[in-house]
Amino acid sequence: MVAVAAESLIVDKFVDLQPAPFMDSISEIMRVLRAARALAGLSQEEVAELAGVSRQIVVRIEQGQNNVLVEAVDKVRMALESKGVAFIDATREHGPGVAMTRRPSAVDTDAQGFGDG
């Protein structure tokens, strides 16, 4: 029962940090962070360094262990966002997800009237 209480605490605090009304299980949060790291092409060591946490913390987050501080989860999330990862909230139709943010290319900015010409 203690593990369930700890899991709820982490989920509740994470939801407070990143509102996502349908992201209600710690395993979903952990899968999304693991997917985000893979999408960004980063190793666990690189994410740990960016986030200012140990590699073991990243491993524990990705394994969905319930003995991870919410502050560590938030640091990892922010580190991934700094590398262009966008977190997509869950909806009734789909679970949470990740995507890379778009950086406008010269072609995109010219087409939108932002070019020099």
Protein backbone atom coordinates (compact mmCIF):
# COMPACT_ATOMS: atom_id res chain seq x y z
CA MET A 1 0.00 0.00 0.00
CA VAL A 2 2.95 2.34 0.61
CA ALA A 3 4.08 1.91 -3.01
CA VAL A 4 0.64 2.91 -4.28
CA ALA A 5 0.65 6.04 -2.11
CA ALA A 6 4.13 7.00 -3.35
CA GLU A 7 3.07 6.42 -6.96
CA SER A 8 0.01 8.62 -6.50
CA LEU A 9 2.13 11.37 -4.95
CA ILE A 10 4.53 11.37 -7.88
CA VAL A 11 1.72 11.35 -10.43
CA ASP A 12 -0.22 14.09 -8.65
CA LYS A 13 2.84 16.32 -8.41
CA PHE A 14 3.83 15.65 -12.03
CA VAL A 15 0.33 16.50 -13.20
CA ASP A 16 0.57 19.75 -11.22
CA LEU A 17 3.80 20.55 -13.08
CA GLN A 18 2.48 19.58 -16.51
CA PRO A 19 -1.32 19.58 -16.57
CA ALA A 20 -2.55 16.55 -18.45
CA PRO A 21 -5.96 15.42 -17.28
CA PHE A 22 -5.77 12.01 -18.94
CA MET A 23 -2.14 11.20 -18.05
CA ASP A 24 -2.97 9.38 -14.87
CA SER A 25 -0.48 6.59 -14.45
CA ILE A 26 3.17 6.77 -13.56
CA SER A 27 3.97 4.14 -16.18
CA GLU A 28 2.56 6.42 -18.91
CA ILE A 29 4.71 9.29 -17.70
CA MET A 30 7.79 7.11 -17.68
CA ARG A 31 7.10 5.69 -21.16
CA VAL A 32 6.70 9.20 -22.52
CA LEU A 33 10.02 10.33 -21.04
CA ARG A 34 11.80 7.26 -22.44
CA ALA A 35 10.18 7.87 -25.85
CA ALA A 36 11.19 11.54 -25.69
CA ARG A 37 14.81 10.63 -25.05
CA ALA A 38 14.81 8.21 -27.96
CA LEU A 39 13.17 10.76 -30.25
CA ALA A 40 15.80 13.35 -29.36
CA GLY A 41 18.54 10.79 -30.03
CA LEU A 42 20.08 11.21 -26.61
CA SER A 43 21.72 8.62 -24.39
CA GLN A 44 20.77 8.22 -20.76
CA GLU A 45 24.12 9.76 -19.84
CA GLU A 46 23.46 12.82 -22.02
CA VAL A 47 20.01 13.36 -20.54
CA ALA A 48 21.37 12.95 -17.03
CA GLU A 49 24.06 15.56 -17.69
CA LEU A 50 21.58 18.00 -19.23
CA ALA A 51 19.16 17.52 -16.35
CA GLY A 52 21.76 17.67 -13.60
CA VAL A 53 20.82 14.24 -12.24
CA SER A 54 22.63 10.92 -12.17
CA ARG A 55 22.30 8.37 -14.95
CA GLN A 56 20.80 6.01 -12.36
CA ILE A 57 17.95 8.49 -11.82
CA VAL A 58 17.25 8.49 -15.56
CA VAL A 59 17.27 4.67 -15.52
CA ARG A 60 14.85 4.59 -12.56
CA ILE A 61 12.53 7.09 -14.26
CA GLU A 62 12.51 5.09 -17.48
CA GLN A 63 11.83 1.87 -15.59
CA GLY A 64 8.86 3.48 -13.87
CA GLN A 65 10.22 2.97 -10.39
CA ASN A 66 8.19 4.73 -7.74
CA ASN A 67 11.15 5.92 -5.65
CA VAL A 68 12.00 8.88 -7.88
CA LEU A 69 11.49 12.43 -6.70
CA VAL A 70 9.09 14.50 -8.77
CA GLU A 71 11.77 17.20 -9.00
CA ALA A 72 14.03 14.74 -10.82
CA VAL A 73 11.24 13.84 -13.25
CA ASP A 74 10.67 17.54 -13.90
CA LYS A 75 14.40 18.17 -14.47
CA VAL A 76 14.50 15.37 -17.04
CA ARG A 77 11.37 16.70 -18.75
CA MET A 78 12.84 20.21 -18.94
CA ALA A 79 16.16 18.89 -20.25
CA LEU A 80 14.33 17.06 -23.04
CA GLU A 81 12.27 20.15 -23.85
CA SER A 82 15.51 22.14 -24.14
CA LYS A 83 16.52 19.75 -26.93
CA GLY A 84 13.32 20.36 -28.89
CA VAL A 85 10.99 17.71 -27.48
CA ALA A 86 7.33 18.71 -27.18
CA PHE A 87 5.12 16.73 -24.83
CA ILE A 88 1.60 16.02 -26.07
CA ASP A 89 -1.13 15.64 -23.50
CA ALA A 90 -3.31 12.57 -23.47
CA THR A 91 -6.89 12.88 -24.64
CA ARG A 92 -9.88 10.59 -24.57
CA GLU A 93 -8.79 9.25 -27.99
CA HIS A 94 -5.07 8.67 -27.38
CA GLY A 95 -2.47 8.46 -24.68
CA PRO A 96 0.29 10.98 -24.07
CA GLY A 97 2.97 11.42 -26.70
CA VAL A 98 6.02 13.33 -27.82
CA ALA A 99 7.11 15.15 -30.95
CA MET A 100 10.02 17.30 -32.00
CA THR A 101 9.34 21.00 -32.28
CA ARG A 102 9.78 22.52 -35.71
CA ARG A 103 12.43 25.06 -36.32
CA PRO A 104 11.54 27.19 -39.32
CA SER A 105 13.80 26.63 -42.28
CA ALA A 106 14.62 29.31 -44.84
CA VAL A 107 11.97 27.83 -47.14
CA ASP A 108 9.33 27.98 -44.39
CA THR A 109 10.11 31.59 -43.48
CA ASP A 110 10.15 32.70 -47.15
CA ALA A 111 6.78 31.08 -47.74
CA GLN A 112 5.37 32.96 -44.74
CA GLY A 113 6.71 36.32 -45.89
CA PHE A 114 9.62 36.41 -43.45
CA GLY A 115 12.41 36.13 -46.03
CA ASP A 116 14.76 38.88 -47.09
CA GLY A 117 13.48 38.96 -50.66
